[in-house]
PDB file of N, CA and C in Angstrom:
ATOM      1  N   UNK A   1      83.546 182.028 180.859  1.00  0.00           N
ATOM      2  CA  UNK A   1      84.613 182.984 181.075  1.00  0.00           C
ATOM      3  C   UNK A   1      85.830 182.248 181.620  1.00  0.00           C
ATOM      4  N   UNK A   2      86.973 182.499 181.020  1.00  0.00           N
ATOM      5  CA  UNK A   2      88.221 181.918 181.488  1.00  0.00           C
ATOM      6  C   UNK A   2      88.835 182.786 182.575  1.00  0.00           C
ATOM      7  N   UNK A   3      89.344 182.130 183.591  1.00  0.00           N
ATOM      8  CA  UNK A   3      90.107 182.810 184.627  1.00  0.00           C
ATOM      9  C   UNK A   3      91.561 182.433 184.406  1.00  0.00           C
ATOM     10  N   UNK A   4      92.419 183.438 184.316  1.00  0.00           N
ATOM     11  CA  UNK A   4      93.831 183.186 184.041  1.00  0.00           C
ATOM     12  C   UNK A   4      94.687 183.608 185.216  1.00  0.00           C
ATOM     13  N   UNK A   5      95.764 182.880 185.385  1.00  0.00           N
ATOM     14  CA  UNK A   5      96.778 183.215 186.384  1.00  0.00           C
ATOM     15  C   UNK A   5      98.062 183.516 185.648  1.00  0.00           C
ATOM     16  N   UNK A   6      98.883 184.416 186.193  1.00  0.00           N
ATOM     17  CA  UNK A   6     100.157 184.793 185.595  1.00  0.00           C
ATOM     18  C   UNK A   6     101.295 184.442 186.550  1.00  0.00           C
ATOM     19  N   UNK A   7     102.367 183.937 185.981  1.00  0.00           N
ATOM     20  CA  UNK A   7     103.596 183.739 186.745  1.00  0.00           C
ATOM     21  C   UNK A   7     104.745 184.303 185.922  1.00  0.00           C
ATOM     22  N   UNK A   8     105.776 184.728 186.600  1.00  0.00           N
ATOM     23  CA  UNK A   8     106.962 185.237 185.913  1.00  0.00           C
ATOM     24  C   UNK A   8     108.081 184.219 186.105  1.00  0.00           C
ATOM     25  N   UNK A   9     108.673 183.816 184.988  1.00  0.00           N
ATOM     26  CA  UNK A   9     109.783 182.866 185.027  1.00  0.00           C
ATOM     27  C   UNK A   9     110.959 183.442 184.235  1.00  0.00           C
ATOM     28  N   UNK A  10     112.143 182.917 184.490  1.00  0.00           N
ATOM     29  CA  UNK A  10     113.340 183.314 183.751  1.00  0.00           C
ATOM     30  C   UNK A  10     113.904 182.093 183.049  1.00  0.00           C
ATOM     31  N   UNK A  11     114.134 182.228 181.740  1.00  0.00           N
ATOM     32  CA  UNK A  11     114.763 181.167 180.958  1.00  0.00           C
ATOM     33  C   UNK A  11     116.170 181.583 180.571  1.00  0.00           C
ATOM     34  N   UNK A  12     117.009 180.594 180.283  1.00  0.00           N
ATOM     35  CA  UNK A  12     118.363 180.918 179.837  1.00  0.00           C
ATOM     36  C   UNK A  12     118.839 179.930 178.790  1.00  0.00           C
ATOM     37  N   UNK A  13     119.830 180.358 178.027  1.00  0.00           N
ATOM     38  CA  UNK A  13     120.386 179.545 176.951  1.00  0.00           C
ATOM     39  C   UNK A  13     121.772 180.066 176.607  1.00  0.00           C
ATOM     40  N   UNK A  14     122.588 179.177 176.088  1.00  0.00           N
ATOM     41  CA  UNK A  14     123.889 179.604 175.566  1.00  0.00           C
ATOM     42  C   UNK A  14     123.816 179.836 174.063  1.00  0.00           C
ATOM     43  N   UNK A  15     122.638 179.622 173.471  1.00  0.00           N
ATOM     44  CA  UNK A  15     122.470 179.703 172.011  1.00  0.00           C
ATOM     45  C   UNK A  15     121.863 181.042 171.566  1.00  0.00           C
ATOM     46  N   UNK A  16     120.685 181.387 172.124  1.00  0.00           N
ATOM     47  CA  UNK A  16     119.985 182.594 171.684  1.00  0.00           C
ATOM     48  C   UNK A  16     118.850 182.931 172.643  1.00  0.00           C
ATOM     49  N   UNK A  17     118.283 184.147 172.500  1.00  0.00           N
ATOM     50  CA  UNK A  17     117.110 184.508 173.290  1.00  0.00           C
ATOM     51  C   UNK A  17     115.932 183.635 172.896  1.00  0.00           C
ATOM     52  N   UNK A  18     115.775 183.370 171.616  1.00  0.00           N
ATOM     53  CA  UNK A  18     114.672 182.514 171.170  1.00  0.00           C
ATOM     54  C   UNK A  18     114.779 181.134 171.812  1.00  0.00           C
ATOM     55  N   UNK A  19     115.967 180.580 171.840  1.00  0.00           N
ATOM     56  CA  UNK A  19     116.172 179.268 172.459  1.00  0.00           C
ATOM     57  C   UNK A  19     115.830 179.325 173.946  1.00  0.00           C
ATOM     58  N   UNK A  20     116.178 180.395 174.616  1.00  0.00           N
ATOM     59  CA  UNK A  20     115.852 180.548 176.033  1.00  0.00           C
ATOM     60  C   UNK A  20     114.339 180.572 176.245  1.00  0.00           C
ATOM     61  N   UNK A  21     113.617 181.252 175.359  1.00  0.00           N
ATOM     62  CA  UNK A  21     112.152 181.317 175.440  1.00  0.00           C
ATOM     63  C   UNK A  21     111.548 179.939 175.236  1.00  0.00           C
ATOM     64  N   UNK A  22     111.968 179.261 174.182  1.00  0.00           N
ATOM     65  CA  UNK A  22     111.431 177.929 173.856  1.00  0.00           C
ATOM     66  C   UNK A  22     111.702 176.948 174.994  1.00  0.00           C
ATOM     67  N   UNK A  23     112.904 176.949 175.527  1.00  0.00           N
ATOM     68  CA  UNK A  23     113.250 176.038 176.624  1.00  0.00           C
ATOM     69  C   UNK A  23     112.429 176.337 177.879  1.00  0.00           C
ATOM     70  N   UNK A  24     112.267 177.608 178.193  1.00  0.00           N
ATOM     71  CA  UNK A  24     111.516 177.984 179.389  1.00  0.00           C
ATOM     72  C   UNK A  24     110.056 177.544 179.280  1.00  0.00           C
ATOM     73  N   UNK A  25     109.442 177.758 178.131  1.00  0.00           N
ATOM     74  CA  UNK A  25     108.055 177.348 177.935  1.00  0.00           C
ATOM     75  C   UNK A  25     107.936 175.828 177.982  1.00  0.00           C
ATOM     76  N   UNK A  26     108.874 175.137 177.370  1.00  0.00           N
ATOM     77  CA  UNK A  26     108.868 173.680 177.377  1.00  0.00           C
ATOM     78  C   UNK A  26     108.962 173.130 178.792  1.00  0.00           C
ATOM     79  N   UNK A  27     109.852 173.674 179.592  1.00  0.00           N
ATOM     80  CA  UNK A  27     110.005 173.211 180.979  1.00  0.00           C
ATOM     81  C   UNK A  27     108.761 173.543 181.807  1.00  0.00           C
ATOM     82  N   UNK A  28     108.231 174.754 181.649  1.00  0.00           N
ATOM     83  CA  UNK A  28     107.043 175.150 182.414  1.00  0.00           C
ATOM     84  C   UNK A  28     105.847 174.267 182.072  1.00  0.00           C
ATOM     85  N   UNK A  29     105.735 173.872 180.812  1.00  0.00           N
ATOM     86  CA  UNK A  29     104.591 173.060 180.390  1.00  0.00           C
ATOM     87  C   UNK A  29     104.615 171.657 180.997  1.00  0.00           C
ATOM     88  N   UNK A  30     105.739 171.244 181.542  1.00  0.00           N
ATOM     89  CA  UNK A  30     105.822 169.925 182.191  1.00  0.00           C
ATOM     90  C   UNK A  30     105.081 169.902 183.522  1.00  0.00           C
ATOM     91  N   UNK A  31     104.934 171.054 184.164  1.00  0.00           N
ATOM     92  CA  UNK A  31     104.289 171.096 185.473  1.00  0.00           C
ATOM     93  C   UNK A  31     103.087 172.025 185.549  1.00  0.00           C
ATOM     94  N   UNK A  32     102.833 172.795 184.494  1.00  0.00           N
ATOM     95  CA  UNK A  32     101.699 173.715 184.485  1.00  0.00           C
ATOM     96  C   UNK A  32     100.792 173.359 183.316  1.00  0.00           C
ATOM     97  N   UNK A  33      99.538 173.076 183.629  1.00  0.00           N
ATOM     98  CA  UNK A  33      98.559 172.756 182.591  1.00  0.00           C
ATOM     99  C   UNK A  33      97.928 174.032 182.038  1.00  0.00           C
ATOM    100  N   UNK A  34      97.432 173.935 180.828  1.00  0.00           N
ATOM    101  CA  UNK A  34      96.641 174.989 180.181  1.00  0.00           C
ATOM    102  C   UNK A  34      97.395 176.298 179.949  1.00  0.00           C
ATOM    103  N   UNK A  35      98.695 176.216 179.621  1.00  0.00           N
ATOM    104  CA  UNK A  35      99.416 177.441 179.253  1.00  0.00           C
ATOM    105  C   UNK A  35      98.715 178.075 178.061  1.00  0.00           C
ATOM    106  N   UNK A  36      98.563 179.398 178.102  1.00  0.00           N
ATOM    107  CA  UNK A  36      97.793 180.039 177.036  1.00  0.00           C
ATOM    108  C   UNK A  36      98.500 181.219 176.379  1.00  0.00           C
ATOM    109  N   UNK A  37      99.338 181.938 177.117  1.00  0.00           N
ATOM    110  CA  UNK A  37      99.986 183.120 176.551  1.00  0.00           C
ATOM    111  C   UNK A  37     101.363 183.311 177.172  1.00  0.00           C
ATOM    112  N   UNK A  38     102.212 184.000 176.426  1.00  0.00           N
ATOM    113  CA  UNK A  38     103.515 184.388 176.959  1.00  0.00           C
ATOM    114  C   UNK A  38     103.782 185.838 176.551  1.00  0.00           C
ATOM    115  N   UNK A  39     104.338 186.588 177.481  1.00  0.00           N
ATOM    116  CA  UNK A  39     104.751 187.962 177.208  1.00  0.00           C
ATOM    117  C   UNK A  39     106.217 188.073 177.605  1.00  0.00           C
ATOM    118  N   UNK A  40     107.029 188.563 176.695  1.00  0.00           N
ATOM    119  CA  UNK A  40     108.446 188.734 176.974  1.00  0.00           C
ATOM    120  C   UNK A  40     108.617 190.065 177.706  1.00  0.00           C
ATOM    121  N   UNK A  41     109.091 189.983 178.937  1.00  0.00           N
ATOM    122  CA  UNK A  41     109.235 191.178 179.763  1.00  0.00           C
ATOM    123  C   UNK A  41     110.597 191.833 179.596  1.00  0.00           C
ATOM    124  N   UNK A  42     111.642 190.998 179.527  1.00  0.00           N
ATOM    125  CA  UNK A  42     112.992 191.551 179.450  1.00  0.00           C
ATOM    126  C   UNK A  42     113.930 190.520 178.835  1.00  0.00           C
ATOM    127  N   UNK A  43     114.921 191.016 178.107  1.00  0.00           N
ATOM    128  CA  UNK A  43     115.993 190.188 177.565  1.00  0.00           C
ATOM    129  C   UNK A  43     117.312 190.793 178.027  1.00  0.00           C
ATOM    130  N   UNK A  44     118.230 189.924 178.432  1.00  0.00           N
ATOM    131  CA  UNK A  44     119.561 190.397 178.815  1.00  0.00           C
ATOM    132  C   UNK A  44     120.561 189.285 178.536  1.00  0.00           C
ATOM    133  N   UNK A  45     121.827 189.606 178.647  1.00  0.00           N
ATOM    134  CA  UNK A  45     122.853 188.615 178.333  1.00  0.00           C
ATOM    135  C   UNK A  45     124.121 188.885 179.128  1.00  0.00           C
ATOM    136  N   UNK A  46     124.898 187.824 179.300  1.00  0.00           N
ATOM    137  CA  UNK A  46     126.238 187.945 179.861  1.00  0.00           C
ATOM    138  C   UNK A  46     127.223 187.979 178.713  1.00  0.00           C
ATOM    139  N   UNK A  47     128.258 188.792 178.871  1.00  0.00           N
ATOM    140  CA  UNK A  47     129.285 188.916 177.839  1.00  0.00           C
ATOM    141  C   UNK A  47     130.582 188.354 178.391  1.00  0.00           C
ATOM    142  N   UNK A  48     131.235 187.533 177.585  1.00  0.00           N
ATOM    143  CA  UNK A  48     132.537 186.976 177.942  1.00  0.00           C
ATOM    144  C   UNK A  48     133.509 187.394 176.842  1.00  0.00           C
ATOM    145  N   UNK A  49     134.363 188.351 177.154  1.00  0.00           N
ATOM    146  CA  UNK A  49     135.270 188.879 176.132  1.00  0.00           C
ATOM    147  C   UNK A  49     134.505 189.697 175.120  1.00  0.00           C
ATOM    148  N   UNK A  50     134.465 189.218 173.884  1.00  0.00           N
ATOM    149  CA  UNK A  50     133.736 189.930 172.831  1.00  0.00           C
ATOM    150  C   UNK A  50     132.511 189.157 172.342  1.00  0.00           C
ATOM    151  N   UNK A  51     132.069 188.168 173.126  1.00  0.00           N
ATOM    152  CA  UNK A  51     130.929 187.329 172.709  1.00  0.00           C
ATOM    153  C   UNK A  51     129.894 187.216 173.832  1.00  0.00           C
ATOM    154  N   UNK A  52     128.657 187.002 173.439  1.00  0.00           N
ATOM    155  CA  UNK A  52     127.607 186.702 174.409  1.00  0.00           C
ATOM    156  C   UNK A  52     127.768 185.245 174.826  1.00  0.00           C
ATOM    157  N   UNK A  53     127.836 185.029 176.142  1.00  0.00           N
ATOM    158  CA  UNK A  53     128.025 183.668 176.645  1.00  0.00           C
ATOM    159  C   UNK A  53     126.736 183.067 177.206  1.00  0.00           C
ATOM    160  N   UNK A  54     125.793 183.910 177.600  1.00  0.00           N
ATOM    161  CA  UNK A  54     124.545 183.423 178.179  1.00  0.00           C
ATOM    162  C   UNK A  54     123.425 184.403 177.877  1.00  0.00           C
ATOM    163  N   UNK A  55     122.300 183.894 177.406  1.00  0.00           N
ATOM    164  CA  UNK A  55     121.117 184.694 177.105  1.00  0.00           C
ATOM    165  C   UNK A  55     120.063 184.439 178.172  1.00  0.00           C
ATOM    166  N   UNK A  56     119.398 185.502 178.643  1.00  0.00           N
ATOM    167  CA  UNK A  56     118.350 185.377 179.651  1.00  0.00           C
ATOM    168  C   UNK A  56     117.089 186.077 179.164  1.00  0.00           C
ATOM    169  N   UNK A  57     115.932 185.519 179.497  1.00  0.00           N
ATOM    170  CA  UNK A  57     114.646 186.151 179.209  1.00  0.00           C
ATOM    171  C   UNK A  57     113.745 186.015 180.423  1.00  0.00           C
ATOM    172  N   UNK A  58     113.078 187.103 180.772  1.00  0.00           N
ATOM    173  CA  UNK A  58     112.034 187.065 181.792  1.00  0.00           C
ATOM    174  C   UNK A  58     110.706 187.008 181.052  1.00  0.00           C
ATOM    175  N   UNK A  59     109.898 186.019 181.409  1.00  0.00           N
ATOM    176  CA  UNK A  59     108.629 185.787 180.730  1.00  0.00           C
ATOM    177  C   UNK A  59     107.473 185.872 181.713  1.00  0.00           C
ATOM    178  N   UNK A  60     106.380 186.456 181.253  1.00  0.00           N
ATOM    179  CA  UNK A  60     105.111 186.432 181.984  1.00  0.00           C
ATOM    180  C   UNK A  60     104.272 185.357 181.312  1.00  0.00           C
ATOM    181  N   UNK A  61     104.118 184.214 181.983  1.00  0.00           N
ATOM    182  CA  UNK A  61     103.327 183.117 181.441  1.00  0.00           C
ATOM    183  C   UNK A  61     101.918 183.177 182.004  1.00  0.00           C
ATOM    184  N   UNK A  62     100.937 182.967 181.150  1.00  0.00           N
ATOM    185  CA  UNK A  62      99.540 182.909 181.573  1.00  0.00           C
ATOM    186  C   UNK A  62      99.035 181.490 181.374  1.00  0.00           C
ATOM    187  N   UNK A  63      98.203 181.064 182.307  1.00  0.00           N
ATOM    188  CA  UNK A  63      97.538 179.784 182.124  1.00  0.00           C
ATOM    189  C   UNK A  63      96.118 179.885 182.649  1.00  0.00           C
ATOM    190  N   UNK A  64      95.253 179.078 182.055  1.00  0.00           N
ATOM    191  CA  UNK A  64      93.837 179.080 182.398  1.00  0.00           C
ATOM    192  C   UNK A  64      93.633 178.191 183.621  1.00  0.00           C
ATOM    193  N   UNK A  65      92.892 178.696 184.591  1.00  0.00           N
ATOM    194  CA  UNK A  65      92.560 177.915 185.774  1.00  0.00           C
ATOM    195  C   UNK A  65      91.365 177.026 185.443  1.00  0.00           C
ATOM    196  N   UNK A  66      91.497 175.743 185.754  1.00  0.00           N
ATOM    197  CA  UNK A  66      90.443 174.769 185.516  1.00  0.00           C
ATOM    198  C   UNK A  66      89.460 174.829 186.690  1.00  0.00           C
ATOM    199  N   UNK A  67      88.357 175.543 186.489  1.00  0.00           N
ATOM    200  CA  UNK A  67      87.383 175.722 187.564  1.00  0.00           C
ATOM    201  C   UNK A  67      86.605 174.435 187.865  1.00  0.00           C
ATOM    202  N   UNK A  68      86.675 173.455 186.972  1.00  0.00           N
ATOM    203  CA  UNK A  68      85.973 172.183 187.175  1.00  0.00           C
ATOM    204  C   UNK A  68      86.851 171.095 187.750  1.00  0.00           C
ATOM    205  N   UNK A  69      88.100 171.414 188.036  1.00  0.00           N
ATOM    206  CA  UNK A  69      89.059 170.425 188.547  1.00  0.00           C
ATOM    207  C   UNK A  69      88.657 169.945 189.940  1.00  0.00           C
ATOM    208  N   UNK A  70      88.753 168.666 190.121  1.00  0.00           N
ATOM    209  CA  UNK A  70      88.470 168.059 191.425  1.00  0.00           C
ATOM    210  C   UNK A  70      89.782 167.827 192.141  1.00  0.00           C
ATOM    211  N   UNK A  71      89.850 168.178 193.422  1.00  0.00           N
ATOM    212  CA  UNK A  71      91.046 167.905 194.220  1.00  0.00           C
ATOM    213  C   UNK A  71      91.172 166.418 194.449  1.00  0.00           C
ATOM    214  N   UNK A  72      92.413 165.926 194.415  1.00  0.00           N
ATOM    215  CA  UNK A  72      92.648 164.505 194.626  1.00  0.00           C
ATOM    216  C   UNK A  72      92.762 164.164 196.089  1.00  0.00           C
TER     217      UNK A  72
END
């Protein structure tokens, strides 16, 4: 049986919501092992004049806890 932990993170991009998601997962994977699922909780953006200037996404990331891990 896998035990999973969830964390909520916010990603951002000047390109798109998809880019914000990809960047956030990429950065999280540098410090969190065993990422397994992502759920998009919310998308929002900043508007500058008549254009979107910044895209934001709140993500619920899940990762599997390694029950066999030895503390260093």
